[in-house]
Structure formats: C-alpha cells, structure tokens
Amino acid sequence: MSEELIAPCGMNCRICSGYLAFQHDVKSKGIRMPYCIGCRPRDKKCAFLKKRCALLLSGKVKYCYECSDYPCERLSHIDKRYRRYFRMSMIENLEFIKNNGINQFLEKEEKRWKCPECGAIICCHNGICFSCELEKLRNKKKLYRWED
C-alpha cells in the first residue's frame, strides 16, 4: 500500500478494479476491463469528484476532509453507493486518516484487503484476487459486484 494511491476522496486506488486490472494486465489474459494507474499518479485530482471541486483543483487540500464543506453532497452520494455495493466507505477512510494518520490507514488497508490464499490484494469492486482468482474473474457475469 502506498500513500500515492490514496485519492483525495478517500478511495484506495490499490484495491480498485481499474488499478488491479492494470497491475495484472488482465486484457492480455482475455478479460476486458478498463485500466487506471490511480488518481494521483496520473495527476488527476479525483476521478469521482472530477473538476467539481475548486479546492482540489487548486491544490489547496490534499484530502476532502480538509474542506469546510466536507463531506460534500457529491462525496456523500459516492460513499453511499460504495457502502452499498463495494463494502467500503470513502468517508470512513477519510475519518480514519484524519484521526490516525496515513501510515496507520495503509497498515489497516493492507490487512483488510489481503487475499487469504496468496497474500495479494482483493478488489473492493468484486472481492476477487486478481493474482490467484483470474479464472473466477474471467467467468464472472457482473465484474463489479460481490457474490454473497
């Protein structure tokens, strides 16, 4: 886990399907998924909030919790969707970072998203390890949903 992969909105890009697809080059393995190297590495202020936040665009805040409007309506909407479908919360992530620091957050995330089979990272969008469960991903009808 790396601080560079924690987006301003609290998304951990390291557990995102786009980042994992890029990291594991799933297209070359016959799986069609978009690639992403993370918001900060590609110099995007935030993929979710896009160009709707002047403070992020101007570089006046590093994380959304530094804003007087936090959590804004857009962040709250995205957070609700992620809580419902992807078993994670950007707002909880931001609160943890604010209260405990980035290093403790990265340690917590490493443990939380670690694959019990191989030790790689599990995707927050579907619960699949792109290292040892590619066949499961390949056969999945809904790439962006967990199976309960």
N, C-alpha and C. Protein backbone atom coordinates (compact mmCIF):
# COMPACT_ATOMS: atom_id res chain seq x y z
N MET A 1 0.85 -1.18 0.00
CA MET A 1 0.00 0.00 0.00
C MET A 1 0.89 1.23 0.00
N SER A 2 0.41 2.26 -0.68
CA SER A 2 1.21 3.47 -0.85
C SER A 2 0.33 4.70 -0.69
N GLU A 3 0.85 5.71 -0.02
CA GLU A 3 0.10 6.96 0.15
C GLU A 3 -0.27 7.58 -1.19
N GLU A 4 0.60 7.41 -2.18
CA GLU A 4 0.33 7.96 -3.51
C GLU A 4 -0.95 7.38 -4.12
N LEU A 5 -1.36 6.20 -3.66
CA LEU A 5 -2.56 5.56 -4.21
C LEU A 5 -3.82 5.82 -3.38
N ILE A 6 -3.76 6.75 -2.45
CA ILE A 6 -4.95 7.16 -1.72
C ILE A 6 -5.43 8.47 -2.32
N ALA A 7 -6.58 8.41 -2.97
CA ALA A 7 -7.13 9.57 -3.65
C ALA A 7 -7.65 10.59 -2.64
N PRO A 8 -7.80 11.85 -3.05
CA PRO A 8 -8.32 12.88 -2.15
C PRO A 8 -9.67 12.53 -1.53
N CYS A 9 -10.51 11.77 -2.27
CA CYS A 9 -11.84 11.41 -1.79
C CYS A 9 -11.80 10.26 -0.78
N GLY A 10 -10.63 9.67 -0.57
CA GLY A 10 -10.52 8.56 0.37
C GLY A 10 -10.51 7.19 -0.30
N MET A 11 -10.64 7.16 -1.61
CA MET A 11 -10.56 5.88 -2.33
C MET A 11 -9.13 5.37 -2.30
N ASN A 12 -8.98 4.11 -1.97
CA ASN A 12 -7.69 3.45 -2.03
C ASN A 12 -7.57 2.85 -3.42
N CYS A 13 -6.86 3.51 -4.31
CA CYS A 13 -6.75 3.06 -5.69
C CYS A 13 -6.13 1.66 -5.79
N ARG A 14 -5.37 1.28 -4.79
CA ARG A 14 -4.71 -0.03 -4.79
C ARG A 14 -5.71 -1.19 -4.78
N ILE A 15 -6.93 -0.96 -4.30
CA ILE A 15 -7.95 -2.02 -4.23
C ILE A 15 -9.01 -1.86 -5.32
N CYS A 16 -8.81 -0.91 -6.21
CA CYS A 16 -9.76 -0.61 -7.29
C CYS A 16 -9.57 -1.59 -8.46
N SER A 17 -10.66 -1.97 -9.09
CA SER A 17 -10.60 -2.89 -10.22
C SER A 17 -9.76 -2.34 -11.37
N GLY A 18 -9.84 -1.04 -11.62
CA GLY A 18 -9.06 -0.44 -12.70
C GLY A 18 -7.57 -0.52 -12.45
N TYR A 19 -7.17 -0.27 -11.23
CA TYR A 19 -5.76 -0.36 -10.89
C TYR A 19 -5.28 -1.81 -10.91
N LEU A 20 -6.06 -2.71 -10.32
CA LEU A 20 -5.68 -4.12 -10.31
C LEU A 20 -5.65 -4.70 -11.72
N ALA A 21 -6.59 -4.28 -12.57
CA ALA A 21 -6.59 -4.75 -13.96
C ALA A 21 -5.31 -4.30 -14.66
N PHE A 22 -4.90 -3.05 -14.42
CA PHE A 22 -3.66 -2.53 -14.99
C PHE A 22 -2.46 -3.30 -14.44
N GLN A 23 -2.40 -3.43 -13.14
CA GLN A 23 -1.27 -4.08 -12.48
C GLN A 23 -1.09 -5.53 -12.96
N HIS A 24 -2.18 -6.22 -13.19
CA HIS A 24 -2.13 -7.63 -13.59
C HIS A 24 -2.32 -7.82 -15.10
N ASP A 25 -2.42 -6.72 -15.84
CA ASP A 25 -2.56 -6.76 -17.30
C ASP A 25 -3.60 -7.79 -17.74
N VAL A 26 -4.81 -7.65 -17.23
CA VAL A 26 -5.85 -8.64 -17.49
C VAL A 26 -6.32 -8.66 -18.95
N LYS A 27 -6.15 -7.57 -19.67
CA LYS A 27 -6.53 -7.57 -21.09
C LYS A 27 -5.73 -8.60 -21.86
N SER A 28 -4.46 -8.74 -21.54
CA SER A 28 -3.62 -9.73 -22.23
C SER A 28 -4.03 -11.16 -21.86
N LYS A 29 -4.87 -11.28 -20.82
CA LYS A 29 -5.34 -12.60 -20.38
C LYS A 29 -6.80 -12.81 -20.77
N GLY A 30 -7.30 -11.96 -21.68
CA GLY A 30 -8.64 -12.13 -22.21
C GLY A 30 -9.77 -11.55 -21.38
N ILE A 31 -9.47 -10.67 -20.45
CA ILE A 31 -10.50 -10.06 -19.62
C ILE A 31 -10.58 -8.58 -19.96
N ARG A 32 -11.75 -8.15 -20.40
CA ARG A 32 -11.92 -6.75 -20.80
C ARG A 32 -12.34 -5.90 -19.61
N MET A 33 -11.40 -5.11 -19.14
CA MET A 33 -11.66 -4.16 -18.05
C MET A 33 -10.83 -2.92 -18.30
N PRO A 34 -11.35 -1.76 -17.92
CA PRO A 34 -10.55 -0.53 -18.08
C PRO A 34 -9.37 -0.52 -17.12
N TYR A 35 -8.29 0.11 -17.54
CA TYR A 35 -7.07 0.24 -16.73
C TYR A 35 -6.99 1.64 -16.13
N CYS A 36 -6.36 1.72 -14.98
CA CYS A 36 -6.09 3.00 -14.33
C CYS A 36 -4.86 2.84 -13.45
N ILE A 37 -4.02 3.85 -13.41
CA ILE A 37 -2.83 3.80 -12.56
C ILE A 37 -3.03 4.56 -11.25
N GLY A 38 -4.24 5.06 -11.03
CA GLY A 38 -4.55 5.79 -9.81
C GLY A 38 -4.68 7.28 -10.08
N CYS A 39 -5.45 7.96 -9.24
CA CYS A 39 -5.70 9.39 -9.44
C CYS A 39 -4.44 10.23 -9.33
N ARG A 40 -3.74 10.10 -8.25
CA ARG A 40 -2.55 10.94 -8.04
C ARG A 40 -1.43 10.62 -9.04
N PRO A 41 -1.13 9.34 -9.30
CA PRO A 41 -0.07 9.06 -10.27
C PRO A 41 -0.35 9.61 -11.67
N ARG A 42 -1.61 9.70 -12.05
CA ARG A 42 -1.90 10.25 -13.38
C ARG A 42 -2.27 11.74 -13.31
N ASP A 43 -1.97 12.34 -12.17
CA ASP A 43 -2.17 13.77 -11.92
C ASP A 43 -3.62 14.21 -12.07
N LYS A 44 -4.54 13.31 -11.68
CA LYS A 44 -5.95 13.67 -11.62
C LYS A 44 -6.24 13.97 -10.16
N LYS A 45 -6.94 15.02 -9.91
CA LYS A 45 -7.21 15.39 -8.53
C LYS A 45 -8.13 14.37 -7.87
N CYS A 46 -9.15 13.90 -8.59
CA CYS A 46 -10.02 12.84 -8.10
C CYS A 46 -10.92 12.38 -9.23
N ALA A 47 -10.90 11.10 -9.51
CA ALA A 47 -11.71 10.56 -10.60
C ALA A 47 -13.20 10.70 -10.32
N PHE A 48 -13.59 10.61 -9.05
CA PHE A 48 -15.00 10.69 -8.69
C PHE A 48 -15.52 12.12 -8.67
N LEU A 49 -14.74 13.02 -8.11
CA LEU A 49 -15.20 14.40 -7.95
C LEU A 49 -14.89 15.24 -9.18
N LYS A 50 -14.06 14.70 -10.05
CA LYS A 50 -13.69 15.31 -11.33
C LYS A 50 -13.30 16.77 -11.15
N LYS A 51 -13.86 17.62 -11.96
CA LYS A 51 -13.48 19.03 -11.91
C LYS A 51 -14.51 19.86 -11.15
N ARG A 52 -15.18 19.23 -10.19
CA ARG A 52 -16.25 19.91 -9.48
C ARG A 52 -15.80 20.53 -8.15
N CYS A 53 -14.55 20.39 -7.82
CA CYS A 53 -14.08 20.92 -6.54
C CYS A 53 -12.91 21.87 -6.78
N ALA A 54 -13.15 23.14 -6.55
CA ALA A 54 -12.12 24.16 -6.78
C ALA A 54 -10.92 23.97 -5.84
N LEU A 55 -11.17 23.55 -4.61
CA LEU A 55 -10.07 23.37 -3.65
C LEU A 55 -9.14 22.24 -4.08
N LEU A 56 -9.71 21.13 -4.58
CA LEU A 56 -8.87 20.04 -5.08
C LEU A 56 -8.10 20.48 -6.33
N LEU A 57 -8.80 21.14 -7.24
CA LEU A 57 -8.17 21.57 -8.49
C LEU A 57 -7.02 22.53 -8.25
N SER A 58 -7.17 23.39 -7.27
CA SER A 58 -6.13 24.38 -6.99
C SER A 58 -5.02 23.82 -6.09
N GLY A 59 -5.21 22.62 -5.57
CA GLY A 59 -4.21 22.02 -4.70
C GLY A 59 -4.24 22.54 -3.26
N LYS A 60 -5.33 23.19 -2.88
CA LYS A 60 -5.43 23.75 -1.54
C LYS A 60 -5.75 22.71 -0.48
N VAL A 61 -6.26 21.56 -0.89
CA VAL A 61 -6.50 20.45 0.03
C VAL A 61 -5.88 19.18 -0.56
N LYS A 62 -5.38 18.34 0.32
CA LYS A 62 -4.83 17.05 -0.12
C LYS A 62 -5.91 15.98 -0.03
N TYR A 63 -6.72 16.07 1.02
CA TYR A 63 -7.83 15.14 1.24
C TYR A 63 -9.11 15.94 1.48
N CYS A 64 -10.23 15.37 1.09
CA CYS A 64 -11.51 16.07 1.19
C CYS A 64 -11.86 16.50 2.62
N TYR A 65 -11.41 15.77 3.62
CA TYR A 65 -11.75 16.15 5.00
C TYR A 65 -11.18 17.51 5.39
N GLU A 66 -10.24 18.05 4.63
CA GLU A 66 -9.67 19.36 4.92
C GLU A 66 -10.58 20.50 4.48
N CYS A 67 -11.65 20.18 3.81
CA CYS A 67 -12.58 21.19 3.25
C CYS A 67 -13.66 21.54 4.26
N SER A 68 -14.08 22.78 4.29
CA SER A 68 -15.14 23.21 5.20
C SER A 68 -16.50 22.64 4.79
N ASP A 69 -16.64 22.16 3.55
CA ASP A 69 -17.89 21.59 3.05
C ASP A 69 -17.91 20.06 3.16
N TYR A 70 -16.92 19.49 3.82
CA TYR A 70 -16.80 18.03 3.95
C TYR A 70 -17.82 17.48 4.92
N PRO A 71 -18.47 16.39 4.60
CA PRO A 71 -18.49 15.76 3.29
C PRO A 71 -19.51 16.44 2.38
N CYS A 72 -19.09 16.78 1.20
CA CYS A 72 -19.98 17.44 0.26
C CYS A 72 -21.02 16.45 -0.27
N GLU A 73 -21.99 16.97 -0.96
CA GLU A 73 -23.08 16.14 -1.48
C GLU A 73 -22.56 15.08 -2.45
N ARG A 74 -21.65 15.46 -3.30
CA ARG A 74 -21.10 14.51 -4.29
C ARG A 74 -20.35 13.37 -3.59
N LEU A 75 -19.51 13.68 -2.63
CA LEU A 75 -18.77 12.66 -1.89
C LEU A 75 -19.74 11.76 -1.12
N SER A 76 -20.74 12.34 -0.50
CA SER A 76 -21.73 11.57 0.25
C SER A 76 -22.48 10.60 -0.65
N HIS A 77 -22.80 11.04 -1.85
CA HIS A 77 -23.51 10.19 -2.82
C HIS A 77 -22.63 9.00 -3.24
N ILE A 78 -21.39 9.27 -3.56
CA ILE A 78 -20.46 8.20 -3.96
C ILE A 78 -20.23 7.25 -2.80
N ASP A 79 -20.07 7.79 -1.60
CA ASP A 79 -19.85 6.97 -0.42
C ASP A 79 -21.02 6.03 -0.18
N LYS A 80 -22.22 6.52 -0.34
CA LYS A 80 -23.42 5.69 -0.15
C LYS A 80 -23.42 4.51 -1.12
N ARG A 81 -23.07 4.77 -2.37
CA ARG A 81 -23.01 3.72 -3.39
C ARG A 81 -21.92 2.70 -3.05
N TYR A 82 -20.77 3.17 -2.62
CA TYR A 82 -19.67 2.26 -2.29
C TYR A 82 -19.97 1.44 -1.03
N ARG A 83 -20.65 2.03 -0.07
CA ARG A 83 -21.05 1.26 1.12
C ARG A 83 -22.02 0.14 0.72
N ARG A 84 -22.93 0.48 -0.17
CA ARG A 84 -23.97 -0.48 -0.57
C ARG A 84 -23.42 -1.62 -1.42
N TYR A 85 -22.62 -1.29 -2.41
CA TYR A 85 -22.20 -2.29 -3.38
C TYR A 85 -20.79 -2.84 -3.20
N PHE A 86 -19.89 -2.06 -2.59
CA PHE A 86 -18.48 -2.44 -2.63
C PHE A 86 -17.82 -2.61 -1.26
N ARG A 87 -18.61 -2.61 -0.20
CA ARG A 87 -18.13 -2.93 1.13
C ARG A 87 -17.01 -2.05 1.64
N MET A 88 -17.06 -0.80 1.25
CA MET A 88 -16.07 0.16 1.76
C MET A 88 -16.68 1.55 1.75
N SER A 89 -16.07 2.43 2.51
CA SER A 89 -16.57 3.79 2.64
C SER A 89 -15.43 4.78 2.51
N MET A 90 -15.57 5.69 1.57
CA MET A 90 -14.56 6.73 1.42
C MET A 90 -14.56 7.66 2.63
N ILE A 91 -15.73 7.97 3.14
CA ILE A 91 -15.83 8.86 4.30
C ILE A 91 -15.21 8.21 5.53
N GLU A 92 -15.46 6.90 5.74
CA GLU A 92 -14.81 6.20 6.84
C GLU A 92 -13.29 6.21 6.66
N ASN A 93 -12.84 6.01 5.43
CA ASN A 93 -11.40 6.06 5.15
C ASN A 93 -10.82 7.42 5.52
N LEU A 94 -11.49 8.47 5.08
CA LEU A 94 -11.02 9.83 5.36
C LEU A 94 -11.01 10.13 6.86
N GLU A 95 -12.04 9.68 7.55
CA GLU A 95 -12.10 9.90 9.00
C GLU A 95 -10.96 9.16 9.70
N PHE A 96 -10.67 7.95 9.24
CA PHE A 96 -9.58 7.19 9.83
C PHE A 96 -8.24 7.90 9.59
N ILE A 97 -8.03 8.36 8.36
CA ILE A 97 -6.78 9.07 8.03
C ILE A 97 -6.66 10.33 8.88
N LYS A 98 -7.75 11.08 8.98
CA LYS A 98 -7.76 12.32 9.76
C LYS A 98 -7.42 12.06 11.22
N ASN A 99 -7.97 11.00 11.80
CA ASN A 99 -7.81 10.72 13.23
C ASN A 99 -6.58 9.89 13.59
N ASN A 100 -6.07 9.10 12.63
CA ASN A 100 -4.98 8.17 12.95
C ASN A 100 -3.75 8.32 12.08
N GLY A 101 -3.85 9.08 11.00
CA GLY A 101 -2.71 9.26 10.11
C GLY A 101 -2.71 8.27 8.95
N ILE A 102 -1.99 8.63 7.92
CA ILE A 102 -1.95 7.84 6.70
C ILE A 102 -1.25 6.50 6.90
N ASN A 103 -0.19 6.46 7.71
CA ASN A 103 0.54 5.20 7.89
C ASN A 103 -0.31 4.12 8.55
N GLN A 104 -1.06 4.49 9.58
CA GLN A 104 -1.95 3.51 10.22
C GLN A 104 -3.05 3.08 9.27
N PHE A 105 -3.53 4.02 8.46
CA PHE A 105 -4.55 3.67 7.47
C PHE A 105 -4.01 2.64 6.47
N LEU A 106 -2.82 2.88 5.96
CA LEU A 106 -2.22 1.95 5.00
C LEU A 106 -2.03 0.56 5.61
N GLU A 107 -1.61 0.51 6.86
CA GLU A 107 -1.45 -0.78 7.55
C GLU A 107 -2.79 -1.50 7.67
N LYS A 108 -3.82 -0.76 8.05
CA LYS A 108 -5.17 -1.33 8.20
C LYS A 108 -5.67 -1.86 6.86
N GLU A 109 -5.48 -1.09 5.81
CA GLU A 109 -5.94 -1.50 4.47
C GLU A 109 -5.20 -2.74 3.98
N GLU A 110 -3.92 -2.81 4.26
CA GLU A 110 -3.11 -3.97 3.86
C GLU A 110 -3.70 -5.25 4.46
N LYS A 111 -4.07 -5.19 5.72
CA LYS A 111 -4.65 -6.35 6.41
C LYS A 111 -6.06 -6.64 5.90
N ARG A 112 -6.85 -5.59 5.76
CA ARG A 112 -8.26 -5.77 5.38
C ARG A 112 -8.43 -6.39 4.00
N TRP A 113 -7.62 -5.98 3.04
CA TRP A 113 -7.81 -6.40 1.66
C TRP A 113 -6.84 -7.49 1.21
N LYS A 114 -6.16 -8.12 2.15
CA LYS A 114 -5.19 -9.15 1.81
C LYS A 114 -5.90 -10.46 1.48
N CYS A 115 -5.52 -11.06 0.36
CA CYS A 115 -6.08 -12.34 -0.06
C CYS A 115 -5.61 -13.43 0.91
N PRO A 116 -6.53 -14.21 1.47
CA PRO A 116 -6.13 -15.26 2.40
C PRO A 116 -5.40 -16.42 1.71
N GLU A 117 -5.55 -16.53 0.41
CA GLU A 117 -4.92 -17.62 -0.33
C GLU A 117 -3.48 -17.33 -0.71
N CYS A 118 -3.24 -16.14 -1.30
CA CYS A 118 -1.90 -15.87 -1.84
C CYS A 118 -1.22 -14.63 -1.26
N GLY A 119 -1.97 -13.83 -0.51
CA GLY A 119 -1.38 -12.64 0.11
C GLY A 119 -1.41 -11.39 -0.76
N ALA A 120 -1.92 -11.50 -1.98
CA ALA A 120 -2.06 -10.32 -2.85
C ALA A 120 -3.26 -9.50 -2.38
N ILE A 121 -3.71 -8.57 -3.19
CA ILE A 121 -4.78 -7.66 -2.81
C ILE A 121 -6.11 -8.08 -3.45
N ILE A 122 -7.17 -8.03 -2.65
CA ILE A 122 -8.52 -8.33 -3.12
C ILE A 122 -9.15 -7.04 -3.62
N CYS A 123 -9.88 -7.11 -4.68
CA CYS A 123 -10.55 -5.96 -5.30
C CYS A 123 -11.79 -5.56 -4.50
N CYS A 124 -11.95 -4.28 -4.23
CA CYS A 124 -13.12 -3.80 -3.50
C CYS A 124 -14.39 -3.87 -4.34
N HIS A 125 -14.25 -3.89 -5.65
CA HIS A 125 -15.42 -3.88 -6.53
C HIS A 125 -16.08 -5.24 -6.70
N ASN A 126 -15.35 -6.32 -6.39
CA ASN A 126 -15.96 -7.64 -6.59
C ASN A 126 -15.44 -8.71 -5.62
N GLY A 127 -14.50 -8.38 -4.77
CA GLY A 127 -14.00 -9.34 -3.80
C GLY A 127 -13.07 -10.40 -4.36
N ILE A 128 -12.57 -10.17 -5.57
CA ILE A 128 -11.74 -11.16 -6.25
C ILE A 128 -10.27 -10.74 -6.19
N CYS A 129 -9.42 -11.74 -5.98
CA CYS A 129 -7.98 -11.54 -6.04
C CYS A 129 -7.54 -11.71 -7.49
N PHE A 130 -6.96 -10.65 -8.05
CA PHE A 130 -6.54 -10.71 -9.45
C PHE A 130 -5.27 -11.54 -9.63
N SER A 131 -4.65 -11.95 -8.54
CA SER A 131 -3.45 -12.79 -8.61
C SER A 131 -3.79 -14.27 -8.70
N CYS A 132 -4.70 -14.73 -7.85
CA CYS A 132 -4.97 -16.16 -7.82
C CYS A 132 -6.38 -16.56 -8.25
N GLU A 133 -7.24 -15.58 -8.56
CA GLU A 133 -8.62 -15.92 -8.93
C GLU A 133 -9.01 -15.36 -10.30
N LEU A 134 -8.06 -15.30 -11.23
CA LEU A 134 -8.36 -14.76 -12.56
C LEU A 134 -9.43 -15.57 -13.28
N GLU A 135 -9.44 -16.86 -13.08
CA GLU A 135 -10.46 -17.69 -13.74
C GLU A 135 -11.85 -17.32 -13.24
N LYS A 136 -11.95 -17.08 -11.96
CA LYS A 136 -13.21 -16.64 -11.36
C LYS A 136 -13.62 -15.30 -11.96
N LEU A 137 -12.68 -14.39 -12.12
CA LEU A 137 -12.95 -13.09 -12.72
C LEU A 137 -13.37 -13.25 -14.18
N ARG A 138 -12.69 -14.10 -14.90
CA ARG A 138 -12.97 -14.34 -16.32
C ARG A 138 -14.40 -14.85 -16.53
N ASN A 139 -14.90 -15.66 -15.61
CA ASN A 139 -16.22 -16.27 -15.74
C ASN A 139 -17.33 -15.46 -15.07
N LYS A 140 -16.98 -14.37 -14.47
CA LYS A 140 -17.95 -13.54 -13.74
C LYS A 140 -18.84 -12.77 -14.71
N LYS A 141 -20.14 -12.84 -14.51
CA LYS A 141 -21.09 -12.12 -15.36
C LYS A 141 -21.11 -10.63 -15.04
N LYS A 142 -21.13 -10.30 -13.76
CA LYS A 142 -21.10 -8.91 -13.32
C LYS A 142 -19.75 -8.64 -12.69
N LEU A 143 -18.86 -8.02 -13.45
CA LEU A 143 -17.49 -7.80 -13.00
C LEU A 143 -17.39 -6.89 -11.77
N TYR A 144 -18.41 -6.08 -11.57
CA TYR A 144 -18.33 -5.08 -10.49
C TYR A 144 -19.35 -5.33 -9.38
N ARG A 145 -19.55 -6.59 -9.05
CA ARG A 145 -20.43 -6.94 -7.93
C ARG A 145 -19.83 -8.09 -7.16
N TRP A 146 -19.99 -8.04 -5.85
CA TRP A 146 -19.59 -9.13 -4.97
C TRP A 146 -20.61 -10.25 -5.09
N GLU A 147 -20.17 -11.46 -4.87
CA GLU A 147 -21.08 -12.60 -4.78
C GLU A 147 -21.16 -12.96 -3.31
N ASP A 148 -22.36 -13.02 -2.81
CA ASP A 148 -22.52 -13.35 -1.37
C ASP A 148 -22.75 -14.82 -1.18
